[in-house]
Amino acid sequence: MRAIVSVLSSNLEYQSFLQAPTTTQLQLYYIKQQEEKATTFLWDFLVVLIIKLYFILNKKDNLFVKIFLLFIALFGVYFLLETAYSGGTLVYKYEIETKLINGT
């Protein structure tokens, strides 16, 4: 649920940045990258959830499925770390959120 809220709030921030007069193209580029990473992260773990539920409900859980889900989950963890890093970069290096809040 938090991932969905995160993606939606990221989209709202992007829309507000499009309307801000002080927004540069570089800031918009990094915000869009952040949003794409968060969306990929969300879809990855949604796929893991759907596959896991399917195999649990049909009682077809075997070693291949577990290894496959582990691989997809590790892929999702990579996107989680990438999203967190790029979000921190947006705030601390490019000061994107603080500029919007302060109105400068």
N, C-alpha and C. Protein backbone atom coordinates (compact mmCIF):
# COMPACT_ATOMS: atom_id res chain seq x y z
N MET A 1 0.82 -1.18 0.00
CA MET A 1 0.00 0.00 0.00
C MET A 1 0.87 1.26 0.00
N ARG A 2 1.96 1.22 0.77
CA ARG A 2 2.85 2.38 0.82
C ARG A 2 3.48 2.67 -0.53
N ALA A 3 3.77 1.61 -1.28
CA ALA A 3 4.38 1.80 -2.60
C ALA A 3 3.43 2.52 -3.54
N ILE A 4 2.15 2.19 -3.46
CA ILE A 4 1.17 2.86 -4.31
C ILE A 4 1.06 4.33 -3.92
N VAL A 5 1.02 4.60 -2.63
CA VAL A 5 0.97 5.99 -2.16
C VAL A 5 2.22 6.74 -2.58
N SER A 6 3.36 6.08 -2.53
CA SER A 6 4.62 6.70 -2.93
C SER A 6 4.61 7.09 -4.41
N VAL A 7 4.14 6.19 -5.25
CA VAL A 7 4.08 6.48 -6.69
C VAL A 7 3.10 7.60 -6.97
N LEU A 8 1.96 7.58 -6.31
CA LEU A 8 0.97 8.64 -6.52
C LEU A 8 1.47 9.99 -6.03
N SER A 9 2.13 10.02 -4.88
CA SER A 9 2.66 11.29 -4.38
C SER A 9 3.79 11.79 -5.25
N SER A 10 4.57 10.88 -5.81
CA SER A 10 5.63 11.27 -6.73
C SER A 10 5.03 11.92 -7.98
N ASN A 11 3.94 11.36 -8.46
CA ASN A 11 3.27 11.93 -9.63
C ASN A 11 2.71 13.31 -9.31
N LEU A 12 2.16 13.50 -8.11
CA LEU A 12 1.64 14.81 -7.72
C LEU A 12 2.76 15.84 -7.64
N GLU A 13 3.91 15.44 -7.09
CA GLU A 13 5.05 16.35 -7.02
C GLU A 13 5.51 16.75 -8.42
N TYR A 14 5.54 15.79 -9.31
CA TYR A 14 5.95 16.06 -10.68
C TYR A 14 5.01 17.06 -11.34
N GLN A 15 3.71 16.88 -11.12
CA GLN A 15 2.74 17.80 -11.70
C GLN A 15 2.88 19.20 -11.12
N SER A 16 3.16 19.30 -9.83
CA SER A 16 3.33 20.63 -9.23
C SER A 16 4.62 21.28 -9.71
N PHE A 17 5.64 20.47 -9.98
CA PHE A 17 6.89 21.03 -10.51
C PHE A 17 6.72 21.53 -11.93
N LEU A 18 5.85 20.91 -12.69
CA LEU A 18 5.61 21.38 -14.04
C LEU A 18 5.02 22.78 -14.04
N GLN A 19 4.28 23.12 -13.00
CA GLN A 19 3.63 24.43 -12.91
C GLN A 19 4.49 25.47 -12.21
N ALA A 20 5.54 25.06 -11.51
CA ALA A 20 6.39 26.01 -10.79
C ALA A 20 7.24 26.81 -11.77
N PRO A 21 7.35 28.12 -11.58
CA PRO A 21 8.10 28.94 -12.55
C PRO A 21 9.61 28.78 -12.47
N THR A 22 10.14 28.28 -11.37
CA THR A 22 11.60 28.20 -11.21
C THR A 22 12.16 26.82 -11.55
N THR A 23 11.35 25.92 -12.06
CA THR A 23 11.77 24.56 -12.35
C THR A 23 12.62 24.52 -13.62
N THR A 24 13.77 23.84 -13.52
CA THR A 24 14.65 23.69 -14.69
C THR A 24 14.39 22.35 -15.37
N GLN A 25 14.88 22.21 -16.57
CA GLN A 25 14.73 20.95 -17.31
C GLN A 25 15.50 19.82 -16.64
N LEU A 26 16.65 20.14 -16.02
CA LEU A 26 17.43 19.11 -15.32
C LEU A 26 16.64 18.57 -14.13
N GLN A 27 15.98 19.43 -13.39
CA GLN A 27 15.17 18.98 -12.26
C GLN A 27 14.03 18.10 -12.73
N LEU A 28 13.37 18.50 -13.80
CA LEU A 28 12.27 17.69 -14.33
C LEU A 28 12.77 16.32 -14.80
N TYR A 29 13.96 16.29 -15.39
CA TYR A 29 14.55 15.03 -15.85
C TYR A 29 14.78 14.08 -14.67
N TYR A 30 15.36 14.59 -13.57
CA TYR A 30 15.63 13.74 -12.42
C TYR A 30 14.35 13.31 -11.70
N ILE A 31 13.36 14.18 -11.68
CA ILE A 31 12.09 13.81 -11.07
C ILE A 31 11.42 12.70 -11.88
N LYS A 32 11.47 12.83 -13.19
CA LYS A 32 10.86 11.80 -14.05
C LYS A 32 11.59 10.46 -13.90
N GLN A 33 12.91 10.51 -13.78
CA GLN A 33 13.68 9.27 -13.55
C GLN A 33 13.26 8.62 -12.23
N GLN A 34 13.11 9.44 -11.19
CA GLN A 34 12.71 8.94 -9.88
C GLN A 34 11.33 8.28 -9.97
N GLU A 35 10.42 8.91 -10.67
CA GLU A 35 9.08 8.37 -10.81
C GLU A 35 9.09 7.04 -11.57
N GLU A 36 9.90 6.94 -12.60
CA GLU A 36 9.98 5.69 -13.37
C GLU A 36 10.57 4.56 -12.53
N LYS A 37 11.58 4.87 -11.72
CA LYS A 37 12.16 3.84 -10.85
C LYS A 37 11.15 3.36 -9.82
N ALA A 38 10.40 4.29 -9.24
CA ALA A 38 9.39 3.91 -8.24
C ALA A 38 8.29 3.07 -8.87
N THR A 39 7.89 3.40 -10.09
CA THR A 39 6.86 2.62 -10.77
C THR A 39 7.36 1.22 -11.10
N THR A 40 8.61 1.10 -11.53
CA THR A 40 9.19 -0.21 -11.81
C THR A 40 9.27 -1.05 -10.53
N PHE A 41 9.65 -0.41 -9.44
CA PHE A 41 9.71 -1.08 -8.14
C PHE A 41 8.32 -1.59 -7.75
N LEU A 42 7.31 -0.77 -7.93
CA LEU A 42 5.95 -1.15 -7.58
C LEU A 42 5.48 -2.35 -8.42
N TRP A 43 5.69 -2.30 -9.72
CA TRP A 43 5.25 -3.38 -10.60
C TRP A 43 6.00 -4.68 -10.31
N ASP A 44 7.28 -4.57 -9.98
CA ASP A 44 8.07 -5.76 -9.69
C ASP A 44 7.50 -6.52 -8.51
N PHE A 45 7.23 -5.82 -7.42
CA PHE A 45 6.72 -6.51 -6.24
C PHE A 45 5.25 -6.90 -6.39
N LEU A 46 4.53 -6.21 -7.25
CA LEU A 46 3.17 -6.64 -7.54
C LEU A 46 3.18 -7.96 -8.31
N VAL A 47 4.10 -8.14 -9.23
CA VAL A 47 4.25 -9.40 -9.95
C VAL A 47 4.61 -10.53 -8.99
N VAL A 48 5.54 -10.26 -8.07
CA VAL A 48 5.92 -11.27 -7.07
C VAL A 48 4.70 -11.68 -6.25
N LEU A 49 3.91 -10.69 -5.83
CA LEU A 49 2.73 -10.99 -5.03
C LEU A 49 1.72 -11.84 -5.80
N ILE A 50 1.46 -11.47 -7.04
CA ILE A 50 0.48 -12.22 -7.84
C ILE A 50 0.95 -13.65 -8.09
N ILE A 51 2.21 -13.82 -8.46
CA ILE A 51 2.73 -15.17 -8.72
C ILE A 51 2.70 -16.01 -7.43
N LYS A 52 3.11 -15.41 -6.34
CA LYS A 52 3.13 -16.14 -5.06
C LYS A 52 1.72 -16.55 -4.65
N LEU A 53 0.77 -15.63 -4.78
CA LEU A 53 -0.61 -15.98 -4.42
C LEU A 53 -1.17 -17.08 -5.33
N TYR A 54 -0.85 -17.01 -6.61
CA TYR A 54 -1.33 -18.04 -7.54
C TYR A 54 -0.83 -19.42 -7.13
N PHE A 55 0.46 -19.51 -6.83
CA PHE A 55 1.02 -20.82 -6.49
C PHE A 55 0.61 -21.29 -5.10
N ILE A 56 0.35 -20.36 -4.19
CA ILE A 56 -0.13 -20.77 -2.87
C ILE A 56 -1.56 -21.29 -2.97
N LEU A 57 -2.40 -20.56 -3.70
CA LEU A 57 -3.80 -20.97 -3.82
C LEU A 57 -3.96 -22.28 -4.59
N ASN A 58 -3.10 -22.54 -5.56
CA ASN A 58 -3.17 -23.78 -6.32
C ASN A 58 -2.29 -24.88 -5.75
N LYS A 59 -1.62 -24.60 -4.65
CA LYS A 59 -0.77 -25.58 -3.96
C LYS A 59 0.27 -26.19 -4.91
N LYS A 60 0.90 -25.35 -5.72
CA LYS A 60 1.92 -25.81 -6.67
C LYS A 60 3.26 -25.14 -6.35
N ASP A 61 3.63 -25.11 -5.11
CA ASP A 61 4.86 -24.44 -4.71
C ASP A 61 6.02 -25.42 -4.79
N ASN A 62 6.99 -25.16 -5.70
CA ASN A 62 8.15 -26.04 -5.81
C ASN A 62 9.43 -25.19 -5.77
N LEU A 63 10.56 -25.84 -5.88
CA LEU A 63 11.84 -25.16 -5.75
C LEU A 63 12.07 -24.17 -6.88
N PHE A 64 11.70 -24.53 -8.10
CA PHE A 64 11.89 -23.62 -9.23
C PHE A 64 11.12 -22.31 -9.02
N VAL A 65 9.89 -22.41 -8.53
CA VAL A 65 9.08 -21.22 -8.29
C VAL A 65 9.72 -20.35 -7.22
N LYS A 66 10.21 -20.99 -6.17
CA LYS A 66 10.84 -20.23 -5.08
C LYS A 66 12.10 -19.50 -5.57
N ILE A 67 12.91 -20.16 -6.37
CA ILE A 67 14.12 -19.53 -6.90
C ILE A 67 13.76 -18.41 -7.86
N PHE A 68 12.74 -18.62 -8.70
CA PHE A 68 12.29 -17.60 -9.63
C PHE A 68 11.78 -16.37 -8.88
N LEU A 69 10.97 -16.58 -7.84
CA LEU A 69 10.46 -15.46 -7.05
C LEU A 69 11.58 -14.75 -6.30
N LEU A 70 12.56 -15.49 -5.84
CA LEU A 70 13.70 -14.88 -5.18
C LEU A 70 14.46 -13.98 -6.15
N PHE A 71 14.65 -14.44 -7.36
CA PHE A 71 15.33 -13.64 -8.38
C PHE A 71 14.57 -12.35 -8.67
N ILE A 72 13.26 -12.46 -8.84
CA ILE A 72 12.45 -11.27 -9.10
C ILE A 72 12.48 -10.33 -7.89
N ALA A 73 12.43 -10.89 -6.68
CA ALA A 73 12.47 -10.06 -5.47
C ALA A 73 13.82 -9.35 -5.34
N LEU A 74 14.91 -10.01 -5.67
CA LEU A 74 16.22 -9.35 -5.63
C LEU A 74 16.30 -8.24 -6.66
N PHE A 75 15.69 -8.44 -7.81
CA PHE A 75 15.59 -7.40 -8.82
C PHE A 75 14.82 -6.21 -8.25
N GLY A 76 13.74 -6.49 -7.50
CA GLY A 76 12.96 -5.43 -6.87
C GLY A 76 13.73 -4.70 -5.78
N VAL A 77 14.55 -5.42 -5.04
CA VAL A 77 15.37 -4.78 -4.01
C VAL A 77 16.36 -3.82 -4.65
N TYR A 78 16.90 -4.19 -5.80
CA TYR A 78 17.78 -3.29 -6.54
C TYR A 78 17.05 -1.99 -6.87
N PHE A 79 15.83 -2.10 -7.38
CA PHE A 79 15.07 -0.90 -7.70
C PHE A 79 14.67 -0.13 -6.46
N LEU A 80 14.46 -0.82 -5.35
CA LEU A 80 14.18 -0.13 -4.09
C LEU A 80 15.37 0.74 -3.69
N LEU A 81 16.57 0.16 -3.76
CA LEU A 81 17.77 0.92 -3.40
C LEU A 81 18.03 2.06 -4.38
N GLU A 82 17.81 1.82 -5.66
CA GLU A 82 17.98 2.87 -6.66
C GLU A 82 16.99 4.02 -6.44
N THR A 83 15.76 3.68 -6.12
CA THR A 83 14.74 4.69 -5.86
C THR A 83 15.09 5.51 -4.63
N ALA A 84 15.53 4.85 -3.58
CA ALA A 84 15.91 5.56 -2.36
C ALA A 84 17.11 6.47 -2.61
N TYR A 85 18.10 5.98 -3.33
CA TYR A 85 19.28 6.79 -3.61
C TYR A 85 18.93 8.00 -4.47
N SER A 86 18.15 7.78 -5.52
CA SER A 86 17.82 8.90 -6.39
C SER A 86 16.90 9.90 -5.68
N GLY A 87 16.04 9.42 -4.79
CA GLY A 87 15.21 10.33 -3.99
C GLY A 87 16.06 11.19 -3.06
N GLY A 88 17.04 10.57 -2.44
CA GLY A 88 17.95 11.34 -1.59
C GLY A 88 18.77 12.34 -2.39
N THR A 89 19.18 11.93 -3.58
CA THR A 89 19.92 12.84 -4.46
C THR A 89 19.06 14.03 -4.86
N LEU A 90 17.80 13.79 -5.15
CA LEU A 90 16.90 14.88 -5.51
C LEU A 90 16.80 15.91 -4.39
N VAL A 91 16.71 15.45 -3.17
CA VAL A 91 16.52 16.36 -2.05
C VAL A 91 17.83 17.03 -1.63
N TYR A 92 18.90 16.25 -1.48
CA TYR A 92 20.12 16.82 -0.90
C TYR A 92 21.06 17.44 -1.91
N LYS A 93 21.15 16.87 -3.10
CA LYS A 93 22.08 17.42 -4.08
C LYS A 93 21.43 18.51 -4.92
N TYR A 94 20.22 18.25 -5.39
CA TYR A 94 19.55 19.21 -6.27
C TYR A 94 18.56 20.10 -5.55
N GLU A 95 18.31 19.82 -4.26
CA GLU A 95 17.42 20.60 -3.40
C GLU A 95 16.07 20.84 -4.07
N ILE A 96 15.55 19.81 -4.67
CA ILE A 96 14.30 19.98 -5.43
C ILE A 96 13.12 20.22 -4.51
N GLU A 97 12.95 19.41 -3.48
CA GLU A 97 11.79 19.59 -2.63
C GLU A 97 11.90 20.86 -1.80
N THR A 98 13.08 21.16 -1.29
CA THR A 98 13.22 22.33 -0.44
C THR A 98 13.01 23.62 -1.22
N LYS A 99 13.38 23.64 -2.50
CA LYS A 99 13.13 24.84 -3.32
C LYS A 99 11.64 25.04 -3.53
N LEU A 100 10.91 23.95 -3.70
CA LEU A 100 9.48 24.08 -3.93
C LEU A 100 8.78 24.55 -2.66
N ILE A 101 9.18 24.03 -1.52
CA ILE A 101 8.53 24.40 -0.26
C ILE A 101 8.85 25.85 0.11
N ASN A 102 10.10 26.24 -0.05
CA ASN A 102 10.49 27.60 0.29
C ASN A 102 10.01 28.61 -0.74
N GLY A 103 9.64 28.18 -1.91
CA GLY A 103 9.15 29.08 -2.93
C GLY A 103 10.24 29.89 -3.62
N THR A 104 11.50 29.46 -3.52
CA THR A 104 12.59 30.20 -4.17
C THR A 104 12.93 29.60 -5.51
